[in-house]
Amino acid sequence: MATKYSEITGAEMRAAMIDSQLRPNDVIDPTVLAAMASVAREKHVPEALASVAYMDRPLSLGAGRALNPPLVTGRMLVAAEIRPGLRVLLIGGASGYMAALLAHMGAEVHAVEEEEALTTLAHGALADSRIQWVKGPLAAGAPDAAPFDRIIIDGAVEVVPDALVAQLADGGRLVAARRESSVTRLVFGVKAGGTISLRSFADMGASPLPGFAAPAGFRF
């Protein structure tokens, strides 16, 4: 008799996600795969969506926000080159999934979130001393805790504010999803001499974040 989807365990769903979504699409870093095989993604979505938590599509979290597809998360983590002990500024902490992955990889995480309902969901899903939550506008970051070795903007933005770039240590890496007209591209850059130049490494849809609209007439 066929197994009902609801009877498949979280571990089995994570294994299927890795084999069908991540490995075939350049997410082969063993540290990233180990984290995504261990963190229960279903705990970071509303209960009604737990059975579809590993599908390759955005999942609504409420408040106009969504959890990015697993492949987007995996590609961003690979590009960020996370190592134990790094200080990471996570913009858009949301339900805590990316924060949990970063902590599993040994990072010290400062997760910025402005929606109280999302941080409530995150706190219900995990408690990790390596994650510090910062309540406030996403675009403001966490200047009091800067500088950071990595900045991950976990969603699609039109511009990366100078205020965030200023919080990145020289030699640090920034990873984001940048919206350019109707296309969203995953981008990364290394800060050098106080500035950062972002380059794309994949065209991939990501859920938009509020507060990062480009000024009228702005062009990349």
N, C-alpha and C. Protein backbone atom coordinates (compact mmCIF):
# COMPACT_ATOMS: atom_id res chain seq x y z
N MET A 1 0.85 -1.18 0.00
CA MET A 1 0.00 0.00 0.00
C MET A 1 0.89 1.24 0.00
N ALA A 2 0.52 2.24 -0.79
CA ALA A 2 1.31 3.46 -0.88
C ALA A 2 1.27 4.21 0.45
N THR A 3 2.38 4.82 0.76
CA THR A 3 2.47 5.60 1.99
C THR A 3 1.82 6.96 1.79
N LYS A 4 0.98 7.37 2.70
CA LYS A 4 0.36 8.68 2.62
C LYS A 4 1.42 9.74 2.85
N TYR A 5 1.26 10.90 2.17
CA TYR A 5 2.22 11.98 2.31
C TYR A 5 2.35 12.39 3.77
N SER A 6 1.21 12.41 4.48
CA SER A 6 1.20 12.84 5.87
C SER A 6 1.96 11.88 6.78
N GLU A 7 2.23 10.66 6.29
CA GLU A 7 2.92 9.66 7.10
C GLU A 7 4.43 9.68 6.88
N ILE A 8 4.90 10.46 5.92
CA ILE A 8 6.33 10.56 5.66
C ILE A 8 6.96 11.41 6.77
N THR A 9 8.05 10.96 7.32
CA THR A 9 8.68 11.68 8.42
C THR A 9 9.43 12.91 7.91
N GLY A 10 9.69 13.83 8.85
CA GLY A 10 10.45 15.01 8.49
C GLY A 10 11.81 14.67 7.95
N ALA A 11 12.48 13.67 8.54
CA ALA A 11 13.80 13.27 8.06
C ALA A 11 13.74 12.77 6.62
N GLU A 12 12.68 12.05 6.29
CA GLU A 12 12.53 11.55 4.92
C GLU A 12 12.28 12.70 3.95
N MET A 13 11.50 13.68 4.37
CA MET A 13 11.24 14.84 3.51
C MET A 13 12.51 15.65 3.31
N ARG A 14 13.33 15.77 4.36
CA ARG A 14 14.59 16.50 4.20
C ARG A 14 15.53 15.76 3.25
N ALA A 15 15.57 14.44 3.36
CA ALA A 15 16.42 13.65 2.46
C ALA A 15 15.97 13.81 1.01
N ALA A 16 14.66 13.81 0.80
CA ALA A 16 14.12 13.98 -0.55
C ALA A 16 14.43 15.38 -1.08
N MET A 17 14.33 16.38 -0.22
CA MET A 17 14.66 17.76 -0.62
C MET A 17 16.11 17.84 -1.08
N ILE A 18 17.00 17.22 -0.34
CA ILE A 18 18.42 17.27 -0.69
C ILE A 18 18.68 16.56 -2.01
N ASP A 19 18.10 15.39 -2.20
CA ASP A 19 18.38 14.59 -3.38
C ASP A 19 17.71 15.13 -4.64
N SER A 20 16.52 15.74 -4.50
CA SER A 20 15.79 16.16 -5.69
C SER A 20 15.91 17.66 -6.00
N GLN A 21 16.17 18.47 -4.97
CA GLN A 21 16.22 19.92 -5.19
C GLN A 21 17.62 20.51 -5.07
N LEU A 22 18.36 20.08 -4.05
CA LEU A 22 19.63 20.74 -3.75
C LEU A 22 20.80 20.19 -4.55
N ARG A 23 21.10 18.90 -4.41
CA ARG A 23 22.27 18.33 -5.09
C ARG A 23 22.25 18.53 -6.60
N PRO A 24 21.11 18.36 -7.29
CA PRO A 24 21.12 18.54 -8.75
C PRO A 24 21.32 20.00 -9.18
N ASN A 25 21.28 20.94 -8.21
CA ASN A 25 21.35 22.36 -8.56
C ASN A 25 22.48 23.08 -7.82
N ASP A 26 23.62 22.40 -7.74
CA ASP A 26 24.88 23.01 -7.26
C ASP A 26 24.92 23.29 -5.76
N VAL A 27 24.03 22.71 -4.99
CA VAL A 27 24.16 22.81 -3.54
C VAL A 27 24.75 21.49 -3.07
N ILE A 28 26.08 21.45 -3.01
CA ILE A 28 26.77 20.21 -2.65
C ILE A 28 27.74 20.42 -1.49
N ASP A 29 27.81 21.64 -0.97
CA ASP A 29 28.67 21.90 0.18
C ASP A 29 28.23 21.03 1.34
N PRO A 30 29.11 20.19 1.89
CA PRO A 30 28.69 19.25 2.93
C PRO A 30 28.17 19.92 4.20
N THR A 31 28.70 21.09 4.54
CA THR A 31 28.23 21.78 5.74
C THR A 31 26.82 22.29 5.55
N VAL A 32 26.55 22.84 4.38
CA VAL A 32 25.20 23.32 4.08
C VAL A 32 24.22 22.15 4.05
N LEU A 33 24.59 21.08 3.40
CA LEU A 33 23.70 19.91 3.32
C LEU A 33 23.44 19.32 4.70
N ALA A 34 24.46 19.27 5.54
CA ALA A 34 24.27 18.73 6.88
C ALA A 34 23.29 19.58 7.68
N ALA A 35 23.40 20.89 7.55
CA ALA A 35 22.47 21.77 8.27
C ALA A 35 21.05 21.60 7.76
N MET A 36 20.88 21.54 6.43
CA MET A 36 19.54 21.45 5.87
C MET A 36 18.94 20.05 6.07
N ALA A 37 19.80 19.08 6.34
CA ALA A 37 19.31 17.74 6.67
C ALA A 37 18.89 17.63 8.12
N SER A 38 19.33 18.58 8.94
CA SER A 38 19.09 18.49 10.39
C SER A 38 17.98 19.42 10.88
N VAL A 39 17.89 20.61 10.31
CA VAL A 39 16.92 21.60 10.80
C VAL A 39 15.54 21.28 10.25
N ALA A 40 14.57 21.17 11.14
CA ALA A 40 13.19 20.82 10.77
C ALA A 40 12.47 22.03 10.18
N ARG A 41 12.45 22.10 8.88
CA ARG A 41 11.82 23.23 8.19
C ARG A 41 10.33 23.34 8.54
N GLU A 42 9.69 22.20 8.78
CA GLU A 42 8.26 22.21 9.06
C GLU A 42 7.91 22.96 10.34
N LYS A 43 8.88 23.13 11.22
CA LYS A 43 8.63 23.88 12.46
C LYS A 43 8.61 25.39 12.24
N HIS A 44 9.07 25.80 11.07
CA HIS A 44 9.22 27.22 10.78
C HIS A 44 8.16 27.75 9.82
N VAL A 45 7.09 27.01 9.66
CA VAL A 45 5.95 27.45 8.85
C VAL A 45 4.69 27.29 9.69
N PRO A 46 3.60 27.97 9.31
CA PRO A 46 2.35 27.75 10.03
C PRO A 46 1.97 26.27 10.01
N GLU A 47 1.34 25.81 11.07
CA GLU A 47 1.04 24.38 11.22
C GLU A 47 0.30 23.81 10.03
N ALA A 48 -0.58 24.60 9.42
CA ALA A 48 -1.36 24.11 8.29
C ALA A 48 -0.49 23.80 7.07
N LEU A 49 0.73 24.33 7.04
CA LEU A 49 1.63 24.12 5.89
C LEU A 49 2.75 23.13 6.19
N ALA A 50 2.71 22.50 7.36
CA ALA A 50 3.80 21.61 7.75
C ALA A 50 3.99 20.47 6.75
N SER A 51 2.91 19.94 6.21
CA SER A 51 3.02 18.79 5.31
C SER A 51 3.61 19.15 3.95
N VAL A 52 3.65 20.45 3.62
CA VAL A 52 4.21 20.88 2.33
C VAL A 52 5.45 21.76 2.55
N ALA A 53 6.04 21.67 3.73
CA ALA A 53 7.14 22.56 4.09
C ALA A 53 8.36 22.42 3.18
N TYR A 54 8.52 21.26 2.55
CA TYR A 54 9.72 21.02 1.75
C TYR A 54 9.48 21.15 0.24
N MET A 55 8.33 21.63 -0.14
CA MET A 55 8.06 21.84 -1.56
C MET A 55 8.91 22.98 -2.09
N ASP A 56 9.23 22.91 -3.38
CA ASP A 56 10.11 23.90 -4.01
C ASP A 56 9.30 25.11 -4.45
N ARG A 57 8.76 25.82 -3.49
CA ARG A 57 8.01 27.04 -3.76
C ARG A 57 7.96 27.87 -2.48
N PRO A 58 7.70 29.19 -2.60
CA PRO A 58 7.58 30.01 -1.40
C PRO A 58 6.36 29.58 -0.58
N LEU A 59 6.47 29.70 0.74
CA LEU A 59 5.38 29.36 1.62
C LEU A 59 5.01 30.59 2.44
N SER A 60 3.73 30.95 2.40
CA SER A 60 3.26 32.15 3.08
C SER A 60 3.41 32.00 4.60
N LEU A 61 3.98 33.05 5.21
CA LEU A 61 4.13 33.10 6.66
C LEU A 61 3.16 34.09 7.29
N GLY A 62 2.39 34.78 6.45
CA GLY A 62 1.53 35.85 6.94
C GLY A 62 2.25 37.18 6.94
N ALA A 63 1.51 38.25 7.20
CA ALA A 63 2.07 39.61 7.24
C ALA A 63 2.75 39.99 5.92
N GLY A 64 2.27 39.38 4.81
CA GLY A 64 2.84 39.69 3.50
C GLY A 64 4.21 39.10 3.26
N ARG A 65 4.63 38.17 4.07
CA ARG A 65 5.96 37.59 3.96
C ARG A 65 5.87 36.11 3.63
N ALA A 66 6.97 35.55 3.13
CA ALA A 66 6.99 34.14 2.75
C ALA A 66 8.37 33.56 3.02
N LEU A 67 8.40 32.25 3.23
CA LEU A 67 9.64 31.51 3.38
C LEU A 67 10.14 31.14 1.99
N ASN A 68 11.40 31.45 1.70
CA ASN A 68 11.94 31.15 0.38
C ASN A 68 12.00 29.66 0.12
N PRO A 69 11.94 29.24 -1.16
CA PRO A 69 12.11 27.83 -1.49
C PRO A 69 13.45 27.30 -0.98
N PRO A 70 13.53 26.01 -0.66
CA PRO A 70 14.77 25.45 -0.14
C PRO A 70 15.99 25.71 -1.02
N LEU A 71 15.82 25.65 -2.35
CA LEU A 71 16.96 25.85 -3.23
C LEU A 71 17.54 27.25 -3.10
N VAL A 72 16.68 28.25 -2.97
CA VAL A 72 17.16 29.62 -2.79
C VAL A 72 17.99 29.71 -1.51
N THR A 73 17.46 29.14 -0.43
CA THR A 73 18.18 29.14 0.84
C THR A 73 19.53 28.45 0.71
N GLY A 74 19.54 27.28 0.08
CA GLY A 74 20.79 26.54 -0.07
C GLY A 74 21.82 27.28 -0.89
N ARG A 75 21.40 27.88 -2.00
CA ARG A 75 22.34 28.61 -2.85
C ARG A 75 22.91 29.83 -2.12
N MET A 76 22.08 30.51 -1.34
CA MET A 76 22.56 31.67 -0.59
C MET A 76 23.58 31.26 0.47
N LEU A 77 23.32 30.14 1.15
CA LEU A 77 24.26 29.68 2.17
C LEU A 77 25.59 29.27 1.56
N VAL A 78 25.56 28.62 0.42
CA VAL A 78 26.81 28.24 -0.25
C VAL A 78 27.61 29.49 -0.61
N ALA A 79 26.93 30.50 -1.16
CA ALA A 79 27.60 31.73 -1.57
C ALA A 79 28.16 32.50 -0.37
N ALA A 80 27.51 32.37 0.79
CA ALA A 80 27.95 33.10 1.98
C ALA A 80 29.23 32.54 2.59
N GLU A 81 29.56 31.29 2.28
CA GLU A 81 30.78 30.65 2.78
C GLU A 81 30.86 30.78 4.31
N ILE A 82 29.88 30.21 4.97
CA ILE A 82 29.79 30.27 6.43
C ILE A 82 30.81 29.32 7.08
N ARG A 83 31.48 29.82 8.10
CA ARG A 83 32.40 29.01 8.90
C ARG A 83 32.09 29.21 10.38
N PRO A 84 32.39 28.24 11.21
CA PRO A 84 32.15 28.39 12.65
C PRO A 84 32.83 29.64 13.20
N GLY A 85 32.10 30.35 14.05
CA GLY A 85 32.64 31.54 14.70
C GLY A 85 32.40 32.84 13.98
N LEU A 86 31.97 32.79 12.72
CA LEU A 86 31.70 34.03 12.00
C LEU A 86 30.48 34.74 12.60
N ARG A 87 30.52 36.07 12.59
CA ARG A 87 29.39 36.88 13.04
C ARG A 87 28.55 37.24 11.81
N VAL A 88 27.30 36.83 11.83
CA VAL A 88 26.42 36.98 10.66
C VAL A 88 25.24 37.88 11.00
N LEU A 89 25.03 38.88 10.17
CA LEU A 89 23.83 39.72 10.25
C LEU A 89 22.81 39.17 9.27
N LEU A 90 21.69 38.70 9.78
CA LEU A 90 20.63 38.15 8.95
C LEU A 90 19.50 39.17 8.87
N ILE A 91 19.24 39.65 7.69
CA ILE A 91 18.18 40.63 7.47
C ILE A 91 16.93 39.88 7.00
N GLY A 92 15.88 39.96 7.81
CA GLY A 92 14.66 39.21 7.52
C GLY A 92 14.68 37.88 8.23
N GLY A 93 14.78 37.93 9.56
CA GLY A 93 14.84 36.69 10.34
C GLY A 93 13.58 35.86 10.23
N ALA A 94 12.44 36.52 10.00
CA ALA A 94 11.16 35.86 9.76
C ALA A 94 10.88 34.76 10.78
N SER A 95 10.60 33.54 10.30
CA SER A 95 10.21 32.45 11.20
C SER A 95 11.41 31.69 11.78
N GLY A 96 12.61 32.16 11.47
CA GLY A 96 13.80 31.59 12.10
C GLY A 96 14.49 30.47 11.36
N TYR A 97 14.01 30.10 10.16
CA TYR A 97 14.61 28.95 9.48
C TYR A 97 16.06 29.21 9.07
N MET A 98 16.31 30.33 8.39
CA MET A 98 17.68 30.64 7.99
C MET A 98 18.56 30.84 9.22
N ALA A 99 18.04 31.47 10.26
CA ALA A 99 18.81 31.67 11.49
C ALA A 99 19.21 30.33 12.09
N ALA A 100 18.29 29.38 12.10
CA ALA A 100 18.58 28.06 12.66
C ALA A 100 19.66 27.35 11.85
N LEU A 101 19.63 27.47 10.54
CA LEU A 101 20.65 26.86 9.69
C LEU A 101 22.01 27.47 9.96
N LEU A 102 22.06 28.80 10.05
CA LEU A 102 23.33 29.48 10.30
C LEU A 102 23.91 29.07 11.65
N ALA A 103 23.05 29.00 12.66
CA ALA A 103 23.51 28.58 13.99
C ALA A 103 24.02 27.15 13.96
N HIS A 104 23.34 26.28 13.22
CA HIS A 104 23.78 24.88 13.10
C HIS A 104 25.16 24.80 12.46
N MET A 105 25.46 25.78 11.58
CA MET A 105 26.76 25.81 10.91
C MET A 105 27.83 26.48 11.76
N GLY A 106 27.47 26.89 12.96
CA GLY A 106 28.45 27.43 13.89
C GLY A 106 28.60 28.92 13.92
N ALA A 107 27.69 29.66 13.25
CA ALA A 107 27.79 31.11 13.22
C ALA A 107 27.15 31.74 14.45
N GLU A 108 27.60 32.95 14.76
CA GLU A 108 26.93 33.80 15.74
C GLU A 108 25.97 34.68 14.94
N VAL A 109 24.67 34.52 15.18
CA VAL A 109 23.66 35.13 14.30
C VAL A 109 22.97 36.29 15.00
N HIS A 110 22.88 37.40 14.28
CA HIS A 110 22.08 38.55 14.72
C HIS A 110 20.96 38.70 13.68
N ALA A 111 19.76 38.30 14.06
CA ALA A 111 18.63 38.23 13.13
C ALA A 111 17.71 39.43 13.33
N VAL A 112 17.55 40.23 12.29
CA VAL A 112 16.71 41.42 12.35
C VAL A 112 15.33 41.10 11.80
N GLU A 113 14.31 41.43 12.56
CA GLU A 113 12.93 41.21 12.11
C GLU A 113 12.04 42.31 12.69
N GLU A 114 11.09 42.77 11.88
CA GLU A 114 10.19 43.84 12.32
C GLU A 114 8.77 43.38 12.58
N GLU A 115 8.42 42.17 12.13
CA GLU A 115 7.07 41.65 12.31
C GLU A 115 7.01 40.78 13.56
N GLU A 116 6.27 41.23 14.57
CA GLU A 116 6.21 40.51 15.84
C GLU A 116 5.62 39.11 15.67
N ALA A 117 4.63 38.95 14.78
CA ALA A 117 4.03 37.63 14.59
C ALA A 117 5.04 36.62 14.07
N LEU A 118 5.99 37.07 13.27
CA LEU A 118 7.00 36.17 12.73
C LEU A 118 8.02 35.79 13.79
N THR A 119 8.42 36.75 14.62
CA THR A 119 9.37 36.40 15.67
C THR A 119 8.72 35.48 16.71
N THR A 120 7.41 35.62 16.90
CA THR A 120 6.71 34.70 17.79
C THR A 120 6.78 33.28 17.24
N LEU A 121 6.58 33.14 15.93
CA LEU A 121 6.70 31.83 15.28
C LEU A 121 8.12 31.29 15.42
N ALA A 122 9.09 32.16 15.24
CA ALA A 122 10.49 31.74 15.33
C ALA A 122 10.84 31.27 16.74
N HIS A 123 10.42 32.02 17.74
CA HIS A 123 10.73 31.64 19.12
C HIS A 123 10.06 30.32 19.50
N GLY A 124 8.90 30.05 18.90
CA GLY A 124 8.24 28.78 19.17
C GLY A 124 8.91 27.60 18.50
N ALA A 125 9.70 27.89 17.45
CA ALA A 125 10.35 26.82 16.69
C ALA A 125 11.73 26.48 17.22
N LEU A 126 12.43 27.45 17.82
CA LEU A 126 13.79 27.19 18.26
C LEU A 126 14.18 28.11 19.39
N ALA A 127 15.14 27.66 20.16
CA ALA A 127 15.79 28.47 21.19
C ALA A 127 17.27 28.14 21.12
N ASP A 128 18.07 29.09 20.67
CA ASP A 128 19.50 28.84 20.47
C ASP A 128 20.27 30.06 20.95
N SER A 129 21.18 29.87 21.85
CA SER A 129 21.94 30.98 22.41
C SER A 129 22.83 31.67 21.38
N ARG A 130 23.05 31.01 20.24
CA ARG A 130 23.87 31.63 19.20
C ARG A 130 23.08 32.60 18.33
N ILE A 131 21.77 32.71 18.57
CA ILE A 131 20.92 33.60 17.79
C ILE A 131 20.45 34.75 18.66
N GLN A 132 20.79 35.97 18.27
CA GLN A 132 20.32 37.17 18.94
C GLN A 132 19.29 37.84 18.03
N TRP A 133 18.10 38.09 18.56
CA TRP A 133 17.05 38.71 17.76
C TRP A 133 17.05 40.22 17.96
N VAL A 134 16.94 40.94 16.86
CA VAL A 134 16.91 42.39 16.87
C VAL A 134 15.59 42.84 16.26
N LYS A 135 14.78 43.53 17.04
CA LYS A 135 13.49 44.00 16.53
C LYS A 135 13.64 45.41 15.98
N GLY A 136 13.26 45.60 14.72
CA GLY A 136 13.36 46.91 14.12
C GLY A 136 13.27 46.82 12.61
N PRO A 137 13.32 47.97 11.92
CA PRO A 137 13.24 47.98 10.46
C PRO A 137 14.34 47.13 9.83
N LEU A 138 13.97 46.33 8.87
CA LEU A 138 14.95 45.44 8.25
C LEU A 138 16.11 46.21 7.64
N ALA A 139 15.80 47.32 6.98
CA ALA A 139 16.84 48.06 6.26
C ALA A 139 17.83 48.74 7.19
N ALA A 140 17.50 48.83 8.48
CA ALA A 140 18.40 49.48 9.43
C ALA A 140 19.49 48.54 9.93
N GLY A 141 19.25 47.24 9.87
CA GLY A 141 20.23 46.28 10.34
C GLY A 141 20.39 46.32 11.85
N ALA A 142 21.62 46.10 12.30
CA ALA A 142 21.92 46.09 13.74
C ALA A 142 23.23 46.83 13.95
N PRO A 143 23.24 48.15 13.77
CA PRO A 143 24.50 48.91 13.82
C PRO A 143 25.22 48.81 15.15
N ASP A 144 24.48 48.64 16.24
CA ASP A 144 25.13 48.58 17.56
C ASP A 144 25.98 47.32 17.73
N ALA A 145 25.72 46.30 16.93
CA ALA A 145 26.47 45.05 17.03
C ALA A 145 27.50 44.90 15.93
N ALA A 146 27.59 45.86 15.01
CA ALA A 146 28.53 45.79 13.90
C ALA A 146 29.97 45.94 14.41
N PRO A 147 30.96 45.49 13.62
CA PRO A 147 30.85 44.97 12.25
C PRO A 147 30.60 43.47 12.22
N PHE A 148 30.11 43.01 11.06
CA PHE A 148 29.81 41.60 10.84
C PHE A 148 30.70 41.03 9.76
N ASP A 149 30.96 39.72 9.87
CA ASP A 149 31.76 39.03 8.85
C ASP A 149 30.92 38.69 7.61
N ARG A 150 29.63 38.49 7.81
CA ARG A 150 28.72 38.16 6.72
C ARG A 150 27.41 38.91 6.93
N ILE A 151 26.80 39.30 5.82
CA ILE A 151 25.43 39.82 5.84
C ILE A 151 24.63 39.02 4.83
N ILE A 152 23.53 38.44 5.27
CA ILE A 152 22.60 37.74 4.37
C ILE A 152 21.27 38.47 4.41
N ILE A 153 20.84 38.97 3.28
CA ILE A 153 19.52 39.59 3.14
C ILE A 153 18.61 38.51 2.58
N ASP A 154 17.79 37.93 3.44
CA ASP A 154 17.05 36.72 3.08
C ASP A 154 15.74 37.05 2.38
N GLY A 155 15.86 37.63 1.19
CA GLY A 155 14.69 37.96 0.40
C GLY A 155 15.08 38.89 -0.73
N ALA A 156 14.11 39.22 -1.57
CA ALA A 156 14.37 40.05 -2.74
C ALA A 156 14.27 41.53 -2.39
N VAL A 157 15.26 42.30 -2.81
CA VAL A 157 15.30 43.74 -2.57
C VAL A 157 15.65 44.45 -3.88
N GLU A 158 15.27 45.71 -3.97
CA GLU A 158 15.64 46.49 -5.15
C GLU A 158 16.99 47.18 -4.96
N VAL A 159 17.28 47.58 -3.72
CA VAL A 159 18.56 48.21 -3.42
C VAL A 159 19.10 47.67 -2.10
N VAL A 160 20.41 47.71 -1.96
CA VAL A 160 21.07 47.37 -0.70
C VAL A 160 21.50 48.69 -0.07
N PRO A 161 20.91 49.08 1.04
CA PRO A 161 21.21 50.39 1.64
C PRO A 161 22.67 50.51 2.07
N ASP A 162 23.20 51.74 1.95
CA ASP A 162 24.56 52.00 2.41
C ASP A 162 24.69 51.71 3.90
N ALA A 163 23.59 51.89 4.65
CA ALA A 163 23.63 51.65 6.09
C ALA A 163 23.96 50.19 6.40
N LEU A 164 23.55 49.27 5.55
CA LEU A 164 23.89 47.86 5.75
C LEU A 164 25.32 47.58 5.33
N VAL A 165 25.73 48.13 4.20
CA VAL A 165 27.10 47.92 3.74
C VAL A 165 28.09 48.41 4.80
N ALA A 166 27.74 49.50 5.49
CA ALA A 166 28.62 50.05 6.52
C ALA A 166 28.79 49.11 7.70
N GLN A 167 27.85 48.18 7.88
CA GLN A 167 27.91 47.24 9.00
C GLN A 167 28.71 45.98 8.68
N LEU A 168 29.18 45.87 7.44
CA LEU A 168 29.97 44.72 7.02
C LEU A 168 31.46 45.02 7.18
N ALA A 169 32.18 44.10 7.80
CA ALA A 169 33.62 44.28 7.96
C ALA A 169 34.31 44.25 6.60
N ASP A 170 35.44 44.95 6.50
CA ASP A 170 36.20 44.90 5.27
C ASP A 170 36.66 43.46 5.04
N GLY A 171 36.46 42.94 3.84
CA GLY A 171 36.74 41.54 3.53
C GLY A 171 35.56 40.62 3.77
N GLY A 172 34.47 41.17 4.34
CA GLY A 172 33.28 40.37 4.58
C GLY A 172 32.44 40.21 3.33
N ARG A 173 31.55 39.20 3.35
CA ARG A 173 30.72 38.89 2.19
C ARG A 173 29.26 39.23 2.47
N LEU A 174 28.60 39.74 1.46
CA LEU A 174 27.17 40.03 1.51
C LEU A 174 26.46 39.21 0.44
N VAL A 175 25.36 38.58 0.81
CA VAL A 175 24.56 37.77 -0.12
C VAL A 175 23.13 38.26 -0.05
N ALA A 176 22.49 38.40 -1.20
CA ALA A 176 21.11 38.89 -1.25
C ALA A 176 20.45 38.40 -2.53
N ALA A 177 19.18 38.74 -2.67
CA ALA A 177 18.46 38.54 -3.93
C ALA A 177 18.05 39.92 -4.42
N ARG A 178 18.46 40.27 -5.62
CA ARG A 178 18.21 41.63 -6.12
C ARG A 178 17.20 41.60 -7.26
N ARG A 179 16.18 42.41 -7.10
CA ARG A 179 15.14 42.51 -8.13
C ARG A 179 15.56 43.53 -9.17
N GLU A 180 15.53 43.11 -10.43
CA GLU A 180 15.83 43.99 -11.55
C GLU A 180 14.70 43.86 -12.55
N SER A 181 13.79 44.83 -12.53
CA SER A 181 12.57 44.78 -13.33
C SER A 181 11.78 43.51 -12.96
N SER A 182 11.58 42.62 -13.93
CA SER A 182 10.80 41.42 -13.65
C SER A 182 11.65 40.21 -13.28
N VAL A 183 12.97 40.43 -13.15
CA VAL A 183 13.90 39.33 -12.87
C VAL A 183 14.49 39.49 -11.47
N THR A 184 14.61 38.37 -10.76
CA THR A 184 15.29 38.38 -9.46
C THR A 184 16.54 37.53 -9.57
N ARG A 185 17.66 38.12 -9.16
CA ARG A 185 18.94 37.43 -9.26
C ARG A 185 19.58 37.33 -7.88
N LEU A 186 20.12 36.15 -7.56
CA LEU A 186 20.91 36.01 -6.36
C LEU A 186 22.27 36.64 -6.62
N VAL A 187 22.73 37.46 -5.66
CA VAL A 187 23.97 38.21 -5.84
C VAL A 187 24.85 38.08 -4.60
N PHE A 188 26.14 38.29 -4.79
CA PHE A 188 27.06 38.34 -3.65
C PHE A 188 28.16 39.33 -3.97
N GLY A 189 28.82 39.78 -2.91
CA GLY A 189 29.96 40.67 -3.08
C GLY A 189 30.83 40.65 -1.85
N VAL A 190 32.09 41.04 -2.02
CA VAL A 190 33.06 41.13 -0.92
C VAL A 190 33.42 42.60 -0.74
N LYS A 191 33.34 43.07 0.49
CA LYS A 191 33.63 44.48 0.77
C LYS A 191 35.13 44.72 0.75
N ALA A 192 35.54 45.74 0.02
CA ALA A 192 36.96 46.08 -0.07
C ALA A 192 37.09 47.59 -0.14
N GLY A 193 37.92 48.14 0.72
CA GLY A 193 38.11 49.58 0.71
C GLY A 193 36.86 50.36 1.05
N GLY A 194 35.97 49.75 1.82
CA GLY A 194 34.76 50.44 2.24
C GLY A 194 33.60 50.36 1.28
N THR A 195 33.80 49.71 0.14
CA THR A 195 32.72 49.59 -0.85
C THR A 195 32.52 48.12 -1.22
N ILE A 196 31.39 47.87 -1.87
CA ILE A 196 31.09 46.50 -2.28
C ILE A 196 30.47 46.52 -3.67
N SER A 197 30.90 45.61 -4.51
CA SER A 197 30.34 45.44 -5.85
C SER A 197 29.67 44.08 -5.91
N LEU A 198 28.37 44.08 -6.22
CA LEU A 198 27.61 42.84 -6.22
C LEU A 198 27.57 42.24 -7.63
N ARG A 199 27.72 40.92 -7.68
CA ARG A 199 27.58 40.25 -8.97
C ARG A 199 26.62 39.08 -8.81
N SER A 200 25.90 38.79 -9.87
CA SER A 200 24.88 37.74 -9.81
C SER A 200 25.50 36.38 -10.03
N PHE A 201 24.89 35.35 -9.41
CA PHE A 201 25.35 33.99 -9.63
C PHE A 201 24.21 33.03 -9.96
N ALA A 202 22.97 33.51 -9.92
CA ALA A 202 21.85 32.67 -10.33
C ALA A 202 20.60 33.54 -10.48
N ASP A 203 19.82 33.25 -11.51
CA ASP A 203 18.49 33.86 -11.65
C ASP A 203 17.51 32.94 -10.93
N MET A 204 16.91 33.44 -9.86
CA MET A 204 16.10 32.58 -9.01
C MET A 204 15.13 33.43 -8.22
N GLY A 205 13.85 33.08 -8.25
CA GLY A 205 12.85 33.86 -7.55
C GLY A 205 12.99 33.77 -6.05
N ALA A 206 12.89 34.91 -5.36
CA ALA A 206 12.93 34.97 -3.90
C ALA A 206 11.80 35.87 -3.43
N SER A 207 11.34 35.62 -2.23
CA SER A 207 10.24 36.39 -1.68
C SER A 207 10.70 37.81 -1.35
N PRO A 208 9.90 38.83 -1.69
CA PRO A 208 10.32 40.21 -1.46
C PRO A 208 10.32 40.59 0.02
N LEU A 209 11.21 41.50 0.37
CA LEU A 209 11.26 42.06 1.71
C LEU A 209 10.81 43.52 1.66
N PRO A 210 10.09 43.98 2.69
CA PRO A 210 9.64 45.38 2.71
C PRO A 210 10.77 46.32 3.10
N GLY A 211 10.71 47.55 2.58
CA GLY A 211 11.64 48.59 3.00
C GLY A 211 12.88 48.73 2.14
N PHE A 212 12.91 48.06 0.99
CA PHE A 212 14.10 48.12 0.14
C PHE A 212 13.76 48.56 -1.28
N ALA A 213 12.75 49.41 -1.42
CA ALA A 213 12.37 49.90 -2.75
C ALA A 213 13.41 50.90 -3.26
N ALA A 214 13.66 50.86 -4.56
CA ALA A 214 14.60 51.80 -5.16
C ALA A 214 13.96 53.18 -5.27
N PRO A 215 14.74 54.25 -5.10
CA PRO A 215 14.19 55.59 -5.30
C PRO A 215 13.67 55.75 -6.72
N ALA A 216 12.71 56.63 -6.91
CA ALA A 216 12.15 56.87 -8.24
C ALA A 216 13.28 57.28 -9.21
N GLY A 217 13.28 56.63 -10.37
CA GLY A 217 14.27 56.94 -11.38
C GLY A 217 15.59 56.20 -11.20
N PHE A 218 15.71 55.40 -10.13
CA PHE A 218 16.97 54.67 -9.88
C PHE A 218 17.15 53.56 -10.91
N ARG A 219 18.38 53.40 -11.39
CA ARG A 219 18.73 52.30 -12.30
C ARG A 219 20.03 51.68 -11.85
N PHE A 220 20.13 50.34 -11.95
CA PHE A 220 21.40 49.67 -11.63
C PHE A 220 22.41 49.97 -12.71
